[in-house]
Amino acid sequence: MKTIGLVILISLSLCNVGAAQAPAYEKKCTAVVNGETAQFSFPIPQGQTLTWDMNETSDDVMEYSWELCLERSDIQCKYRFGVLHFKFDRSEKKGNIRELISSSQKSVWDASNWVQTEMKIDATIEHDNLIIRITDQKTFAEIFASNPKMARCKVKTPYKDLNYESKTGIKYNK
């Protein structure tokens, strides 16, 4: 009888461990180039209420970022780009990812961390993904001049379980 109870207890504990280890969502970005347009996709958790411009965050501090860096094996990132949210003397807000993204900056910056105001990117929420697109010809030509092969993706939030880094090959469609 004790053996059966022990087997049941071990089985139940293994089921709980398996459930606890299941990820909330897949933390891997994708990168696709079609002609002179590039699209990068970050999976995002759905239905989660987020807080930004938090009271405990000092002004001029970045709270959120979805950042990309493109590289070849012999060339490191010349530019980084993505969606950033800095707190700038605003009151705390709560909402969904779409609301947060709409109040965040979409930027390209160089290796010295200077924002490149003449370079443009777009960001939207589609299905369960944050989509960052490069459709501007000048921006595309500059960022893809070295024919990068890999995209390094990095997500930083105040929520530890939402943060991640991943690498993905850039898929070039002809």
N, C-alpha and C. Protein backbone atom coordinates (compact mmCIF):
# COMPACT_ATOMS: atom_id res chain seq x y z
N MET A 1 0.82 -1.18 0.00
CA MET A 1 0.00 0.00 0.00
C MET A 1 0.87 1.25 0.00
N LYS A 2 1.95 1.22 0.80
CA LYS A 2 2.85 2.38 0.86
C LYS A 2 3.51 2.61 -0.49
N THR A 3 3.82 1.54 -1.22
CA THR A 3 4.46 1.66 -2.52
C THR A 3 3.53 2.36 -3.51
N ILE A 4 2.26 2.00 -3.53
CA ILE A 4 1.29 2.62 -4.44
C ILE A 4 1.16 4.11 -4.11
N GLY A 5 1.09 4.44 -2.84
CA GLY A 5 1.00 5.85 -2.43
C GLY A 5 2.23 6.62 -2.85
N LEU A 6 3.40 6.01 -2.73
CA LEU A 6 4.65 6.67 -3.13
C LEU A 6 4.68 6.89 -4.64
N VAL A 7 4.24 5.91 -5.42
CA VAL A 7 4.19 6.03 -6.88
C VAL A 7 3.24 7.16 -7.28
N ILE A 8 2.07 7.23 -6.65
CA ILE A 8 1.10 8.30 -6.95
C ILE A 8 1.69 9.66 -6.59
N LEU A 9 2.33 9.76 -5.44
CA LEU A 9 2.93 11.02 -5.01
C LEU A 9 4.02 11.47 -5.99
N ILE A 10 4.88 10.57 -6.41
CA ILE A 10 5.94 10.90 -7.38
C ILE A 10 5.32 11.31 -8.71
N SER A 11 4.30 10.59 -9.16
CA SER A 11 3.64 10.93 -10.43
C SER A 11 3.03 12.32 -10.38
N LEU A 12 2.36 12.64 -9.29
CA LEU A 12 1.75 13.97 -9.14
C LEU A 12 2.80 15.07 -9.11
N SER A 13 3.90 14.83 -8.41
CA SER A 13 4.94 15.86 -8.33
C SER A 13 5.61 16.06 -9.68
N LEU A 14 5.77 15.00 -10.47
CA LEU A 14 6.35 15.15 -11.81
C LEU A 14 5.40 15.91 -12.72
N CYS A 15 4.11 15.68 -12.60
CA CYS A 15 3.14 16.43 -13.40
C CYS A 15 3.21 17.91 -13.06
N ASN A 16 3.33 18.26 -11.81
CA ASN A 16 3.40 19.65 -11.40
C ASN A 16 4.68 20.30 -11.89
N VAL A 17 5.81 19.57 -11.85
CA VAL A 17 7.06 20.12 -12.34
C VAL A 17 6.95 20.39 -13.82
N GLY A 18 6.38 19.48 -14.58
CA GLY A 18 6.21 19.66 -16.01
C GLY A 18 5.34 20.88 -16.31
N ALA A 19 4.27 21.05 -15.58
CA ALA A 19 3.38 22.19 -15.81
C ALA A 19 4.08 23.49 -15.45
N ALA A 20 4.86 23.48 -14.40
CA ALA A 20 5.54 24.70 -13.96
C ALA A 20 6.62 25.12 -14.96
N GLN A 21 7.17 24.20 -15.71
CA GLN A 21 8.24 24.52 -16.64
C GLN A 21 7.74 24.93 -18.02
N ALA A 22 6.45 24.80 -18.28
CA ALA A 22 5.92 25.17 -19.60
C ALA A 22 6.04 26.67 -19.80
N PRO A 23 6.60 27.11 -20.92
CA PRO A 23 6.76 28.55 -21.16
C PRO A 23 5.41 29.21 -21.42
N ALA A 24 5.29 30.49 -21.04
CA ALA A 24 4.06 31.25 -21.27
C ALA A 24 3.86 31.49 -22.76
N TYR A 25 4.95 31.61 -23.49
CA TYR A 25 4.91 31.80 -24.94
C TYR A 25 6.30 31.52 -25.48
N GLU A 26 6.39 31.24 -26.78
CA GLU A 26 7.68 30.93 -27.38
C GLU A 26 8.53 32.19 -27.47
N LYS A 27 9.71 32.18 -26.92
CA LYS A 27 10.58 33.35 -26.86
C LYS A 27 11.65 33.27 -27.95
N LYS A 28 11.24 33.40 -29.19
CA LYS A 28 12.17 33.36 -30.32
C LYS A 28 11.64 34.26 -31.42
N CYS A 29 12.48 35.16 -31.88
CA CYS A 29 12.06 36.08 -32.94
C CYS A 29 12.35 35.46 -34.30
N THR A 30 11.78 36.08 -35.33
CA THR A 30 12.04 35.66 -36.71
C THR A 30 12.42 36.88 -37.53
N ALA A 31 13.12 36.65 -38.64
CA ALA A 31 13.58 37.73 -39.52
C ALA A 31 13.43 37.30 -40.97
N VAL A 32 12.68 38.08 -41.74
CA VAL A 32 12.43 37.75 -43.15
C VAL A 32 12.62 39.00 -43.99
N VAL A 33 13.31 38.84 -45.12
CA VAL A 33 13.51 39.94 -46.07
C VAL A 33 12.84 39.55 -47.38
N ASN A 34 11.97 40.43 -47.85
CA ASN A 34 11.31 40.27 -49.15
C ASN A 34 11.68 41.49 -49.98
N GLY A 35 12.55 41.31 -50.97
CA GLY A 35 12.98 42.44 -51.78
C GLY A 35 13.71 43.47 -50.92
N GLU A 36 13.17 44.69 -50.85
CA GLU A 36 13.77 45.75 -50.02
C GLU A 36 12.91 46.08 -48.82
N THR A 37 12.24 45.06 -48.30
CA THR A 37 11.44 45.20 -47.09
C THR A 37 11.86 44.10 -46.12
N ALA A 38 12.05 44.48 -44.88
CA ALA A 38 12.41 43.49 -43.85
C ALA A 38 11.34 43.48 -42.77
N GLN A 39 11.08 42.28 -42.25
CA GLN A 39 10.10 42.14 -41.18
C GLN A 39 10.69 41.26 -40.09
N PHE A 40 10.57 41.76 -38.86
CA PHE A 40 11.07 41.05 -37.68
C PHE A 40 9.90 40.85 -36.74
N SER A 41 9.77 39.65 -36.21
CA SER A 41 8.62 39.31 -35.40
C SER A 41 9.06 38.86 -34.01
N PHE A 42 8.52 39.52 -32.99
CA PHE A 42 8.75 39.14 -31.60
C PHE A 42 7.45 38.56 -31.04
N PRO A 43 7.46 37.32 -30.56
CA PRO A 43 6.25 36.80 -29.92
C PRO A 43 6.00 37.57 -28.62
N ILE A 44 4.74 37.79 -28.32
CA ILE A 44 4.38 38.51 -27.09
C ILE A 44 3.28 37.74 -26.37
N PRO A 45 3.28 37.82 -25.05
CA PRO A 45 2.21 37.15 -24.30
C PRO A 45 0.90 37.90 -24.49
N GLN A 46 -0.19 37.19 -24.59
CA GLN A 46 -1.49 37.81 -24.82
C GLN A 46 -2.28 37.92 -23.52
N GLY A 47 -3.11 38.95 -23.48
CA GLY A 47 -4.04 39.10 -22.37
C GLY A 47 -3.42 39.59 -21.08
N GLN A 48 -2.16 39.98 -21.11
CA GLN A 48 -1.49 40.41 -19.89
C GLN A 48 -1.59 41.93 -19.77
N THR A 49 -1.97 42.40 -18.60
CA THR A 49 -1.98 43.84 -18.34
C THR A 49 -0.57 44.24 -17.94
N LEU A 50 -0.07 45.27 -18.60
CA LEU A 50 1.28 45.78 -18.33
C LEU A 50 1.19 47.14 -17.65
N THR A 51 2.23 47.49 -16.94
CA THR A 51 2.33 48.81 -16.30
C THR A 51 3.55 49.49 -16.85
N TRP A 52 3.44 50.78 -17.19
CA TRP A 52 4.58 51.56 -17.66
C TRP A 52 4.53 52.95 -17.08
N ASP A 53 5.62 53.68 -17.24
CA ASP A 53 5.80 54.97 -16.57
C ASP A 53 5.56 54.78 -15.07
N MET A 54 6.15 53.72 -14.55
CA MET A 54 5.92 53.33 -13.16
C MET A 54 6.43 54.38 -12.19
N ASN A 55 5.70 54.51 -11.09
CA ASN A 55 6.06 55.51 -10.07
C ASN A 55 7.48 55.30 -9.56
N GLU A 56 7.91 54.04 -9.42
CA GLU A 56 9.24 53.76 -8.88
C GLU A 56 10.35 53.92 -9.91
N THR A 57 10.01 54.15 -11.17
CA THR A 57 11.01 54.35 -12.22
C THR A 57 11.39 55.82 -12.29
N SER A 58 12.68 56.10 -12.29
CA SER A 58 13.15 57.49 -12.42
C SER A 58 12.92 57.98 -13.85
N ASP A 59 12.81 59.28 -14.02
CA ASP A 59 12.67 59.86 -15.35
C ASP A 59 13.90 59.52 -16.19
N ASP A 60 13.71 59.42 -17.49
CA ASP A 60 14.75 59.13 -18.48
C ASP A 60 15.31 57.72 -18.38
N VAL A 61 14.61 56.82 -17.73
CA VAL A 61 15.04 55.42 -17.62
C VAL A 61 14.19 54.58 -18.57
N MET A 62 14.86 53.68 -19.31
CA MET A 62 14.16 52.79 -20.22
C MET A 62 13.49 51.67 -19.42
N GLU A 63 12.19 51.52 -19.61
CA GLU A 63 11.45 50.45 -18.93
C GLU A 63 11.26 49.23 -19.83
N TYR A 64 11.07 49.46 -21.12
CA TYR A 64 10.80 48.38 -22.07
C TYR A 64 11.64 48.57 -23.32
N SER A 65 12.05 47.45 -23.92
CA SER A 65 12.68 47.51 -25.24
C SER A 65 12.53 46.18 -25.96
N TRP A 66 12.31 46.30 -27.26
CA TRP A 66 12.33 45.17 -28.19
C TRP A 66 13.36 45.60 -29.23
N GLU A 67 14.53 45.02 -29.14
CA GLU A 67 15.69 45.53 -29.87
C GLU A 67 16.25 44.47 -30.82
N LEU A 68 16.71 44.94 -31.98
CA LEU A 68 17.34 44.07 -32.97
C LEU A 68 18.72 44.58 -33.33
N CYS A 69 19.60 43.64 -33.59
CA CYS A 69 20.95 43.93 -34.04
C CYS A 69 21.26 42.90 -35.12
N LEU A 70 21.65 43.36 -36.30
CA LEU A 70 21.93 42.44 -37.40
C LEU A 70 23.43 42.30 -37.57
N GLU A 71 23.87 41.08 -37.86
CA GLU A 71 25.32 40.85 -37.96
C GLU A 71 25.66 39.77 -38.96
N ARG A 72 26.88 39.86 -39.45
CA ARG A 72 27.52 38.79 -40.21
C ARG A 72 28.57 38.21 -39.30
N SER A 73 29.14 37.09 -39.67
CA SER A 73 30.14 36.46 -38.81
C SER A 73 31.36 37.35 -38.61
N ASP A 74 31.71 38.16 -39.61
CA ASP A 74 32.90 39.00 -39.51
C ASP A 74 32.60 40.47 -39.21
N ILE A 75 31.32 40.83 -39.11
CA ILE A 75 30.94 42.23 -38.86
C ILE A 75 29.92 42.27 -37.74
N GLN A 76 30.22 43.05 -36.70
CA GLN A 76 29.26 43.24 -35.62
C GLN A 76 28.24 44.29 -36.01
N CYS A 77 27.32 44.55 -35.15
CA CYS A 77 26.21 45.46 -35.43
C CYS A 77 26.69 46.88 -35.67
N LYS A 78 26.32 47.41 -36.82
CA LYS A 78 26.57 48.81 -37.12
C LYS A 78 25.41 49.65 -36.58
N TYR A 79 24.20 49.07 -36.64
CA TYR A 79 22.99 49.74 -36.15
C TYR A 79 22.20 48.78 -35.29
N ARG A 80 21.48 49.35 -34.33
CA ARG A 80 20.46 48.63 -33.57
C ARG A 80 19.16 49.37 -33.81
N PHE A 81 18.06 48.66 -33.72
CA PHE A 81 16.78 49.31 -33.95
C PHE A 81 15.69 48.56 -33.21
N GLY A 82 14.58 49.24 -32.99
CA GLY A 82 13.47 48.60 -32.32
C GLY A 82 12.54 49.58 -31.66
N VAL A 83 11.80 49.06 -30.69
CA VAL A 83 10.82 49.83 -29.93
C VAL A 83 11.36 50.00 -28.52
N LEU A 84 11.38 51.24 -28.06
CA LEU A 84 11.88 51.56 -26.72
C LEU A 84 10.85 52.40 -25.98
N HIS A 85 10.73 52.15 -24.69
CA HIS A 85 9.85 53.00 -23.89
C HIS A 85 10.63 53.53 -22.69
N PHE A 86 10.80 54.84 -22.69
CA PHE A 86 11.45 55.53 -21.59
C PHE A 86 10.40 56.28 -20.78
N LYS A 87 10.60 56.38 -19.49
CA LYS A 87 9.70 57.20 -18.67
C LYS A 87 10.18 58.64 -18.76
N PHE A 88 9.26 59.53 -19.08
CA PHE A 88 9.56 60.96 -19.13
C PHE A 88 8.49 61.73 -18.39
N ASP A 89 8.64 61.86 -17.09
CA ASP A 89 7.76 62.70 -16.28
C ASP A 89 6.28 62.49 -16.60
N ARG A 90 5.86 61.24 -16.62
CA ARG A 90 4.46 60.92 -16.87
C ARG A 90 3.93 60.11 -15.70
N SER A 91 2.62 60.10 -15.56
CA SER A 91 2.01 59.31 -14.50
C SER A 91 1.89 57.85 -14.93
N GLU A 92 1.86 56.98 -13.94
CA GLU A 92 1.81 55.55 -14.18
C GLU A 92 0.57 55.17 -15.00
N LYS A 93 0.78 54.21 -15.93
CA LYS A 93 -0.31 53.75 -16.80
C LYS A 93 -0.35 52.23 -16.79
N LYS A 94 -1.54 51.70 -17.02
CA LYS A 94 -1.75 50.26 -17.16
C LYS A 94 -2.54 50.03 -18.44
N GLY A 95 -2.22 48.93 -19.11
CA GLY A 95 -2.95 48.62 -20.33
C GLY A 95 -2.37 47.40 -21.00
N ASN A 96 -2.73 47.23 -22.26
CA ASN A 96 -2.24 46.08 -23.01
C ASN A 96 -1.01 46.47 -23.84
N ILE A 97 -0.42 45.49 -24.47
CA ILE A 97 0.82 45.70 -25.23
C ILE A 97 0.62 46.69 -26.37
N ARG A 98 -0.54 46.69 -26.98
CA ARG A 98 -0.83 47.61 -28.08
C ARG A 98 -0.76 49.06 -27.60
N GLU A 99 -1.33 49.32 -26.43
CA GLU A 99 -1.31 50.68 -25.87
C GLU A 99 0.12 51.10 -25.51
N LEU A 100 0.87 50.18 -24.95
CA LEU A 100 2.27 50.48 -24.61
C LEU A 100 3.08 50.80 -25.86
N ILE A 101 2.96 49.99 -26.88
CA ILE A 101 3.72 50.19 -28.13
C ILE A 101 3.36 51.53 -28.76
N SER A 102 2.08 51.89 -28.73
CA SER A 102 1.66 53.15 -29.37
C SER A 102 2.25 54.37 -28.67
N SER A 103 2.60 54.24 -27.39
CA SER A 103 3.19 55.38 -26.67
C SER A 103 4.72 55.28 -26.57
N SER A 104 5.32 54.37 -27.33
CA SER A 104 6.77 54.15 -27.27
C SER A 104 7.44 54.64 -28.55
N GLN A 105 8.74 54.88 -28.46
CA GLN A 105 9.46 55.35 -29.64
C GLN A 105 9.96 54.17 -30.48
N LYS A 106 9.98 54.40 -31.79
CA LYS A 106 10.50 53.43 -32.73
C LYS A 106 11.74 54.07 -33.34
N SER A 107 12.92 53.51 -33.10
CA SER A 107 14.16 54.19 -33.46
C SER A 107 15.20 53.26 -34.03
N VAL A 108 16.15 53.90 -34.73
CA VAL A 108 17.39 53.26 -35.18
C VAL A 108 18.51 54.06 -34.54
N TRP A 109 19.51 53.37 -33.99
CA TRP A 109 20.65 54.08 -33.42
C TRP A 109 21.93 53.38 -33.84
N ASP A 110 23.00 54.16 -33.90
CA ASP A 110 24.28 53.63 -34.38
C ASP A 110 25.09 53.04 -33.24
N ALA A 111 26.31 52.61 -33.56
CA ALA A 111 27.17 51.94 -32.57
C ALA A 111 27.54 52.85 -31.41
N SER A 112 27.47 54.18 -31.60
CA SER A 112 27.77 55.11 -30.50
C SER A 112 26.51 55.50 -29.74
N ASN A 113 25.40 54.80 -30.00
CA ASN A 113 24.12 55.05 -29.34
C ASN A 113 23.46 56.37 -29.70
N TRP A 114 23.78 56.91 -30.87
CA TRP A 114 23.11 58.12 -31.36
C TRP A 114 21.91 57.71 -32.19
N VAL A 115 20.75 58.28 -31.87
CA VAL A 115 19.55 57.99 -32.65
C VAL A 115 19.72 58.57 -34.04
N GLN A 116 19.41 57.77 -35.03
CA GLN A 116 19.50 58.17 -36.43
C GLN A 116 18.11 58.64 -36.88
N THR A 117 17.84 59.92 -36.71
CA THR A 117 16.49 60.46 -36.95
C THR A 117 16.04 60.34 -38.39
N GLU A 118 16.98 60.25 -39.34
CA GLU A 118 16.60 60.13 -40.75
C GLU A 118 16.27 58.69 -41.14
N MET A 119 16.55 57.74 -40.26
CA MET A 119 16.25 56.33 -40.53
C MET A 119 14.92 55.98 -39.85
N LYS A 120 14.06 55.26 -40.58
CA LYS A 120 12.69 55.00 -40.11
C LYS A 120 12.37 53.51 -40.04
N ILE A 121 11.66 53.14 -38.99
CA ILE A 121 11.10 51.80 -38.86
C ILE A 121 9.64 51.93 -38.42
N ASP A 122 8.87 50.88 -38.62
CA ASP A 122 7.47 50.83 -38.18
C ASP A 122 7.31 49.68 -37.20
N ALA A 123 6.34 49.80 -36.32
CA ALA A 123 6.04 48.72 -35.38
C ALA A 123 4.54 48.61 -35.18
N THR A 124 4.03 47.38 -35.26
CA THR A 124 2.61 47.12 -35.05
C THR A 124 2.45 45.80 -34.30
N ILE A 125 1.28 45.62 -33.74
CA ILE A 125 0.94 44.34 -33.13
C ILE A 125 0.04 43.60 -34.11
N GLU A 126 0.43 42.39 -34.46
CA GLU A 126 -0.36 41.54 -35.35
C GLU A 126 -0.42 40.15 -34.74
N HIS A 127 -1.64 39.69 -34.51
CA HIS A 127 -1.88 38.39 -33.89
C HIS A 127 -1.15 38.35 -32.54
N ASP A 128 -0.26 37.43 -32.34
CA ASP A 128 0.46 37.31 -31.06
C ASP A 128 1.90 37.78 -31.20
N ASN A 129 2.13 38.79 -32.05
CA ASN A 129 3.50 39.23 -32.32
C ASN A 129 3.62 40.74 -32.41
N LEU A 130 4.76 41.23 -31.96
CA LEU A 130 5.16 42.61 -32.25
C LEU A 130 5.95 42.51 -33.55
N ILE A 131 5.50 43.23 -34.57
CA ILE A 131 6.14 43.21 -35.88
C ILE A 131 6.87 44.53 -36.08
N ILE A 132 8.17 44.43 -36.33
CA ILE A 132 8.98 45.61 -36.66
C ILE A 132 9.36 45.49 -38.12
N ARG A 133 9.04 46.53 -38.89
CA ARG A 133 9.29 46.51 -40.33
C ARG A 133 10.20 47.64 -40.75
N ILE A 134 11.03 47.32 -41.73
CA ILE A 134 11.83 48.34 -42.41
C ILE A 134 11.30 48.38 -43.84
N THR A 135 10.59 49.46 -44.16
CA THR A 135 10.06 49.64 -45.51
C THR A 135 10.68 50.86 -46.18
N ASP A 136 11.28 51.73 -45.38
CA ASP A 136 11.95 52.92 -45.92
C ASP A 136 13.20 52.48 -46.69
N GLN A 137 13.32 52.89 -47.96
CA GLN A 137 14.42 52.43 -48.81
C GLN A 137 15.79 52.85 -48.29
N LYS A 138 15.91 54.08 -47.80
CA LYS A 138 17.20 54.54 -47.28
C LYS A 138 17.62 53.74 -46.05
N THR A 139 16.68 53.52 -45.16
CA THR A 139 16.97 52.75 -43.94
C THR A 139 17.35 51.31 -44.31
N PHE A 140 16.58 50.70 -45.20
CA PHE A 140 16.87 49.34 -45.62
C PHE A 140 18.26 49.25 -46.24
N ALA A 141 18.58 50.17 -47.16
CA ALA A 141 19.88 50.14 -47.84
C ALA A 141 21.03 50.25 -46.84
N GLU A 142 20.89 51.10 -45.85
CA GLU A 142 21.96 51.31 -44.87
C GLU A 142 22.10 50.10 -43.93
N ILE A 143 21.00 49.61 -43.40
CA ILE A 143 21.05 48.50 -42.43
C ILE A 143 21.46 47.19 -43.09
N PHE A 144 21.06 46.99 -44.35
CA PHE A 144 21.36 45.73 -45.03
C PHE A 144 22.56 45.83 -45.98
N ALA A 145 23.33 46.92 -45.89
CA ALA A 145 24.48 47.12 -46.78
C ALA A 145 25.51 46.00 -46.64
N SER A 146 25.68 45.45 -45.45
CA SER A 146 26.68 44.40 -45.24
C SER A 146 26.12 42.99 -45.43
N ASN A 147 24.87 42.90 -45.93
CA ASN A 147 24.24 41.60 -46.16
C ASN A 147 24.27 40.73 -44.89
N PRO A 148 23.67 41.21 -43.80
CA PRO A 148 23.72 40.46 -42.54
C PRO A 148 23.04 39.10 -42.66
N LYS A 149 23.52 38.17 -41.86
CA LYS A 149 23.01 36.79 -41.89
C LYS A 149 22.21 36.43 -40.64
N MET A 150 22.49 37.13 -39.53
CA MET A 150 21.86 36.80 -38.25
C MET A 150 21.20 38.03 -37.65
N ALA A 151 20.08 37.79 -36.95
CA ALA A 151 19.41 38.84 -36.19
C ALA A 151 19.48 38.44 -34.72
N ARG A 152 20.02 39.35 -33.91
CA ARG A 152 20.03 39.17 -32.47
C ARG A 152 18.86 39.95 -31.92
N CYS A 153 17.99 39.29 -31.20
CA CYS A 153 16.77 39.91 -30.66
C CYS A 153 16.87 39.94 -29.14
N LYS A 154 16.46 41.06 -28.57
CA LYS A 154 16.54 41.21 -27.13
C LYS A 154 15.29 41.93 -26.63
N VAL A 155 14.66 41.35 -25.62
CA VAL A 155 13.49 41.96 -24.99
C VAL A 155 13.83 42.26 -23.54
N LYS A 156 13.59 43.51 -23.15
CA LYS A 156 13.82 43.92 -21.75
C LYS A 156 12.54 44.59 -21.25
N THR A 157 12.03 44.07 -20.14
CA THR A 157 10.83 44.62 -19.52
C THR A 157 11.02 44.63 -18.00
N PRO A 158 10.13 45.26 -17.27
CA PRO A 158 10.20 45.15 -15.81
C PRO A 158 9.76 43.78 -15.29
N TYR A 159 9.27 42.92 -16.19
CA TYR A 159 8.77 41.60 -15.81
C TYR A 159 9.80 40.54 -16.21
N LYS A 160 10.48 39.99 -15.23
CA LYS A 160 11.58 39.05 -15.48
C LYS A 160 11.19 37.89 -16.40
N ASP A 161 9.98 37.36 -16.26
CA ASP A 161 9.56 36.21 -17.07
C ASP A 161 9.27 36.57 -18.53
N LEU A 162 9.22 37.85 -18.87
CA LEU A 162 8.98 38.27 -20.26
C LEU A 162 10.28 38.59 -20.99
N ASN A 163 11.39 38.72 -20.28
CA ASN A 163 12.67 39.10 -20.88
C ASN A 163 13.32 37.90 -21.54
N TYR A 164 13.97 38.16 -22.68
CA TYR A 164 14.72 37.11 -23.33
C TYR A 164 15.64 37.68 -24.40
N GLU A 165 16.57 36.84 -24.82
CA GLU A 165 17.44 37.11 -25.96
C GLU A 165 17.41 35.88 -26.84
N SER A 166 17.39 36.10 -28.15
CA SER A 166 17.46 34.97 -29.06
C SER A 166 18.18 35.41 -30.33
N LYS A 167 18.66 34.43 -31.06
CA LYS A 167 19.32 34.67 -32.35
C LYS A 167 18.57 33.88 -33.40
N THR A 168 18.45 34.47 -34.57
CA THR A 168 17.79 33.76 -35.66
C THR A 168 18.46 34.12 -36.97
N GLY A 169 18.48 33.17 -37.87
CA GLY A 169 18.99 33.44 -39.21
C GLY A 169 18.00 34.32 -39.96
N ILE A 170 18.51 35.21 -40.79
CA ILE A 170 17.66 36.06 -41.61
C ILE A 170 17.32 35.30 -42.88
N LYS A 171 16.04 35.15 -43.13
CA LYS A 171 15.58 34.43 -44.33
C LYS A 171 15.38 35.44 -45.44
N TYR A 172 16.13 35.28 -46.52
CA TYR A 172 16.02 36.15 -47.69
C TYR A 172 15.16 35.46 -48.73
N ASN A 173 14.00 36.05 -49.04
CA ASN A 173 13.14 35.55 -50.12
C ASN A 173 13.41 36.34 -51.38
N LYS A 174 13.49 35.66 -52.49
CA LYS A 174 13.79 36.35 -53.75
C LYS A 174 12.55 36.78 -54.47
